[in-house]
Amino acid sequence: MMKNIFAVVFLSTIFFSCNCTKDKKNDSVSKLEGHWELTYITGPRITFEGLYPNKKPTISFDLKEKKVSGNGSCNSYTGKLVVEANKIDFTQPMAMTKMMCLDGQGEQVYMNTLQKVTSYDISDDGKTLNFISGDIATMRFAKKIKN
């Protein structure tokens, strides 16, 4: 009898532990949902305002459809969302509009940096999204409320 009680308690502990871990991972991914606007990008020796004088790049996540989309400051892009826990991959080919952009190299910097991202982190309050390449934060986004 004691062995049976121990087995039930042990299996229940494992079951609930696994569910908690899974929920935590899903919670991290679920925080991605919605629209974000770029506030920082690493790399170029041009100021952020110089790279994006008219329009800041955006990114949106649709977890149900497993899609990522946005605007690189001039052209729109869309593609398949590849995410698991805090790992994210933007190396899949994306469809992109081909408008003539006069804003310089900002869009190219954005798209090139996006392809190097390997993981992400979202602040506890859910308002800041950081994209990370290796162990270096390369991009920062602010959560946007879409009108």
C-alpha atoms as a PDB file:
ATOM      1  CA  MET A   1       0.000   0.000   0.000  1.00  0.00           C
ATOM      2  CA  MET A   2       2.778   2.434   0.951  1.00  0.00           C
ATOM      3  CA  LYS A   3       4.610   1.633  -2.321  1.00  0.00           C
ATOM      4  CA  ASN A   4       1.453   2.449  -4.320  1.00  0.00           C
ATOM      5  CA  ILE A   5       1.004   5.792  -2.536  1.00  0.00           C
ATOM      6  CA  PHE A   6       4.670   6.624  -3.118  1.00  0.00           C
ATOM      7  CA  ALA A   7       4.351   5.713  -6.818  1.00  0.00           C
ATOM      8  CA  VAL A   8       1.249   7.909  -7.245  1.00  0.00           C
ATOM      9  CA  VAL A   9       2.911  10.856  -5.473  1.00  0.00           C
ATOM     10  CA  PHE A  10       6.119  10.389  -7.472  1.00  0.00           C
ATOM     11  CA  LEU A  11       4.316  10.163 -10.837  1.00  0.00           C
ATOM     12  CA  SER A  12       2.076  13.127  -9.964  1.00  0.00           C
ATOM     13  CA  THR A  13       5.145  15.205  -9.132  1.00  0.00           C
ATOM     14  CA  ILE A  14       6.767  14.346 -12.455  1.00  0.00           C
ATOM     15  CA  PHE A  15       3.540  15.027 -14.371  1.00  0.00           C
ATOM     16  CA  PHE A  16       2.932  18.418 -12.779  1.00  0.00           C
ATOM     17  CA  SER A  17       6.597  19.403 -13.058  1.00  0.00           C
ATOM     18  CA  CYS A  18       6.598  18.682 -16.765  1.00  0.00           C
ATOM     19  CA  ASN A  19       3.406  20.688 -17.286  1.00  0.00           C
ATOM     20  CA  CYS A  20       4.820  23.674 -15.390  1.00  0.00           C
ATOM     21  CA  THR A  21       7.963  23.679 -17.499  1.00  0.00           C
ATOM     22  CA  LYS A  22       5.973  23.374 -20.704  1.00  0.00           C
ATOM     23  CA  ASP A  23       3.642  26.207 -19.672  1.00  0.00           C
ATOM     24  CA  LYS A  24       6.638  28.428 -18.920  1.00  0.00           C
ATOM     25  CA  LYS A  25       8.058  27.799 -22.408  1.00  0.00           C
ATOM     26  CA  ASN A  26       4.674  28.445 -24.016  1.00  0.00           C
ATOM     27  CA  ASP A  27       4.306  31.623 -21.949  1.00  0.00           C
ATOM     28  CA  SER A  28       7.635  32.901 -23.286  1.00  0.00           C
ATOM     29  CA  VAL A  29       6.542  32.255 -26.863  1.00  0.00           C
ATOM     30  CA  SER A  30       3.032  33.637 -26.261  1.00  0.00           C
ATOM     31  CA  LYS A  31       4.534  36.985 -25.193  1.00  0.00           C
ATOM     32  CA  LEU A  32       5.853  37.392 -28.760  1.00  0.00           C
ATOM     33  CA  GLU A  33       2.314  37.714 -30.146  1.00  0.00           C
ATOM     34  CA  GLY A  34       1.521  41.151 -31.489  1.00  0.00           C
ATOM     35  CA  HIS A  35       3.266  44.147 -32.987  1.00  0.00           C
ATOM     36  CA  TRP A  36       6.698  45.572 -32.116  1.00  0.00           C
ATOM     37  CA  GLU A  37       8.658  48.654 -33.220  1.00  0.00           C
ATOM     38  CA  LEU A  38      12.463  48.796 -33.411  1.00  0.00           C
ATOM     39  CA  THR A  39      14.073  51.159 -30.882  1.00  0.00           C
ATOM     40  CA  TYR A  40      17.740  50.053 -31.088  1.00  0.00           C
ATOM     41  CA  ILE A  41      20.022  48.222 -33.511  1.00  0.00           C
ATOM     42  CA  THR A  42      23.701  47.435 -33.116  1.00  0.00           C
ATOM     43  CA  GLY A  43      26.431  47.661 -35.715  1.00  0.00           C
ATOM     44  CA  PRO A  44      26.407  50.648 -38.038  1.00  0.00           C
ATOM     45  CA  ARG A  45      28.251  53.846 -37.252  1.00  0.00           C
ATOM     46  CA  ILE A  46      25.208  55.829 -38.285  1.00  0.00           C
ATOM     47  CA  THR A  47      22.825  57.039 -35.588  1.00  0.00           C
ATOM     48  CA  PHE A  48      19.515  55.228 -35.197  1.00  0.00           C
ATOM     49  CA  GLU A  49      17.680  58.358 -36.373  1.00  0.00           C
ATOM     50  CA  GLY A  50      20.026  58.552 -39.359  1.00  0.00           C
ATOM     51  CA  LEU A  51      19.218  54.978 -40.354  1.00  0.00           C
ATOM     52  CA  TYR A  52      15.470  55.441 -39.915  1.00  0.00           C
ATOM     53  CA  PRO A  53      14.649  59.129 -40.463  1.00  0.00           C
ATOM     54  CA  ASN A  54      11.050  58.598 -41.615  1.00  0.00           C
ATOM     55  CA  LYS A  55       9.826  55.248 -40.357  1.00  0.00           C
ATOM     56  CA  LYS A  56      11.153  52.743 -37.821  1.00  0.00           C
ATOM     57  CA  PRO A  57      11.167  49.044 -38.743  1.00  0.00           C
ATOM     58  CA  THR A  58       8.431  46.872 -37.269  1.00  0.00           C
ATOM     59  CA  ILE A  59       7.879  43.171 -36.668  1.00  0.00           C
ATOM     60  CA  SER A  60       4.657  41.304 -35.928  1.00  0.00           C
ATOM     61  CA  PHE A  61       4.127  37.747 -34.759  1.00  0.00           C
ATOM     62  CA  ASP A  62       1.029  35.674 -35.494  1.00  0.00           C
ATOM     63  CA  LEU A  63       1.491  32.535 -33.408  1.00  0.00           C
ATOM     64  CA  LYS A  64      -1.740  30.891 -34.570  1.00  0.00           C
ATOM     65  CA  GLU A  65      -0.723  31.131 -38.241  1.00  0.00           C
ATOM     66  CA  LYS A  66       3.007  30.677 -37.428  1.00  0.00           C
ATOM     67  CA  LYS A  67       3.871  33.812 -39.415  1.00  0.00           C
ATOM     68  CA  VAL A  68       6.195  36.739 -38.945  1.00  0.00           C
ATOM     69  CA  SER A  69       5.721  39.991 -40.847  1.00  0.00           C
ATOM     70  CA  GLY A  70       6.699  43.605 -40.663  1.00  0.00           C
ATOM     71  CA  ASN A  71       8.225  46.558 -42.383  1.00  0.00           C
ATOM     72  CA  GLY A  72      11.954  47.198 -42.774  1.00  0.00           C
ATOM     73  CA  SER A  73      11.279  50.983 -42.822  1.00  0.00           C
ATOM     74  CA  CYS A  74      10.311  51.009 -46.512  1.00  0.00           C
ATOM     75  CA  ASN A  75       9.386  47.526 -47.754  1.00  0.00           C
ATOM     76  CA  SER A  76       7.062  45.033 -46.104  1.00  0.00           C
ATOM     77  CA  TYR A  77       8.153  41.436 -45.444  1.00  0.00           C
ATOM     78  CA  THR A  78       6.469  38.208 -44.397  1.00  0.00           C
ATOM     79  CA  GLY A  79       7.604  34.682 -43.720  1.00  0.00           C
ATOM     80  CA  LYS A  80       7.310  31.531 -41.673  1.00  0.00           C
ATOM     81  CA  LEU A  81       7.775  31.871 -37.910  1.00  0.00           C
ATOM     82  CA  VAL A  82      10.358  29.397 -36.602  1.00  0.00           C
ATOM     83  CA  VAL A  83      10.421  29.590 -32.786  1.00  0.00           C
ATOM     84  CA  GLU A  84      10.905  27.140 -29.931  1.00  0.00           C
ATOM     85  CA  ALA A  85      11.200  28.296 -26.319  1.00  0.00           C
ATOM     86  CA  ASN A  86      13.545  31.314 -26.557  1.00  0.00           C
ATOM     87  CA  LYS A  87      15.246  30.218 -29.799  1.00  0.00           C
ATOM     88  CA  ILE A  88      14.146  31.960 -32.978  1.00  0.00           C
ATOM     89  CA  ASP A  89      15.283  31.660 -36.590  1.00  0.00           C
ATOM     90  CA  PHE A  90      14.866  34.276 -39.323  1.00  0.00           C
ATOM     91  CA  THR A  91      17.059  32.515 -41.921  1.00  0.00           C
ATOM     92  CA  GLN A  92      14.027  31.123 -43.798  1.00  0.00           C
ATOM     93  CA  PRO A  93      13.349  32.949 -47.077  1.00  0.00           C
ATOM     94  CA  MET A  94      10.889  35.820 -46.688  1.00  0.00           C
ATOM     95  CA  ALA A  95       8.659  37.462 -49.253  1.00  0.00           C
ATOM     96  CA  MET A  96       9.392  41.182 -49.526  1.00  0.00           C
ATOM     97  CA  THR A  97       7.946  44.075 -51.496  1.00  0.00           C
ATOM     98  CA  LYS A  98      10.352  45.854 -53.862  1.00  0.00           C
ATOM     99  CA  MET A  99       9.597  49.554 -53.539  1.00  0.00           C
ATOM    100  CA  MET A 100      12.340  52.060 -54.316  1.00  0.00           C
ATOM    101  CA  CYS A 101      13.596  53.357 -50.982  1.00  0.00           C
ATOM    102  CA  LEU A 102      15.398  56.670 -50.629  1.00  0.00           C
ATOM    103  CA  ASP A 103      16.147  56.346 -46.902  1.00  0.00           C
ATOM    104  CA  GLY A 104      19.661  54.976 -47.339  1.00  0.00           C
ATOM    105  CA  GLN A 105      20.900  51.706 -45.881  1.00  0.00           C
ATOM    106  CA  GLY A 106      18.639  51.354 -42.829  1.00  0.00           C
ATOM    107  CA  GLU A 107      16.441  48.629 -44.295  1.00  0.00           C
ATOM    108  CA  GLN A 108      19.424  46.577 -45.445  1.00  0.00           C
ATOM    109  CA  VAL A 109      21.016  46.850 -41.982  1.00  0.00           C
ATOM    110  CA  TYR A 110      17.732  45.759 -40.381  1.00  0.00           C
ATOM    111  CA  MET A 111      17.198  42.709 -42.625  1.00  0.00           C
ATOM    112  CA  ASN A 112      20.845  41.595 -42.388  1.00  0.00           C
ATOM    113  CA  THR A 113      20.835  41.902 -38.587  1.00  0.00           C
ATOM    114  CA  LEU A 114      17.512  40.047 -38.368  1.00  0.00           C
ATOM    115  CA  GLN A 115      19.007  37.031 -40.165  1.00  0.00           C
ATOM    116  CA  LYS A 116      21.778  36.756 -37.541  1.00  0.00           C
ATOM    117  CA  VAL A 117      19.353  36.536 -34.587  1.00  0.00           C
ATOM    118  CA  THR A 118      19.459  33.213 -32.708  1.00  0.00           C
ATOM    119  CA  SER A 119      17.293  33.865 -29.628  1.00  0.00           C
ATOM    120  CA  TYR A 120      15.110  36.431 -27.937  1.00  0.00           C
ATOM    121  CA  ASP A 121      14.216  37.736 -24.497  1.00  0.00           C
ATOM    122  CA  ILE A 122      11.102  39.609 -23.422  1.00  0.00           C
ATOM    123  CA  SER A 123      11.057  41.854 -20.359  1.00  0.00           C
ATOM    124  CA  ASP A 124       8.932  40.757 -17.391  1.00  0.00           C
ATOM    125  CA  ASP A 125       6.397  43.498 -18.117  1.00  0.00           C
ATOM    126  CA  GLY A 126       6.094  42.274 -21.738  1.00  0.00           C
ATOM    127  CA  LYS A 127       6.908  45.691 -23.224  1.00  0.00           C
ATOM    128  CA  THR A 128      10.469  45.138 -24.481  1.00  0.00           C
ATOM    129  CA  LEU A 129      11.678  42.471 -26.918  1.00  0.00           C
ATOM    130  CA  ASN A 130      15.410  41.884 -27.357  1.00  0.00           C
ATOM    131  CA  PHE A 131      16.833  39.884 -30.249  1.00  0.00           C
ATOM    132  CA  ILE A 132      20.123  38.193 -29.480  1.00  0.00           C
ATOM    133  CA  SER A 133      22.868  36.889 -31.763  1.00  0.00           C
ATOM    134  CA  GLY A 134      24.959  34.376 -29.829  1.00  0.00           C
ATOM    135  CA  ASP A 135      25.152  36.223 -26.515  1.00  0.00           C
ATOM    136  CA  ILE A 136      24.987  39.802 -27.827  1.00  0.00           C
ATOM    137  CA  ALA A 137      21.749  41.794 -27.859  1.00  0.00           C
ATOM    138  CA  THR A 138      21.586  43.173 -31.400  1.00  0.00           C
ATOM    139  CA  MET A 139      18.066  44.592 -31.653  1.00  0.00           C
ATOM    140  CA  ARG A 140      15.484  46.006 -29.228  1.00  0.00           C
ATOM    141  CA  PHE A 141      11.779  46.501 -29.891  1.00  0.00           C
ATOM    142  CA  ALA A 142       8.967  48.177 -27.966  1.00  0.00           C
ATOM    143  CA  LYS A 143       5.498  46.586 -27.855  1.00  0.00           C
ATOM    144  CA  LYS A 144       2.995  48.511 -29.983  1.00  0.00           C
ATOM    145  CA  ILE A 145      -0.752  48.661 -29.639  1.00  0.00           C
ATOM    146  CA  LYS A 146      -2.098  48.395 -33.184  1.00  0.00           C
ATOM    147  CA  ASN A 147      -4.887  50.826 -34.033  1.00  0.00           C
END
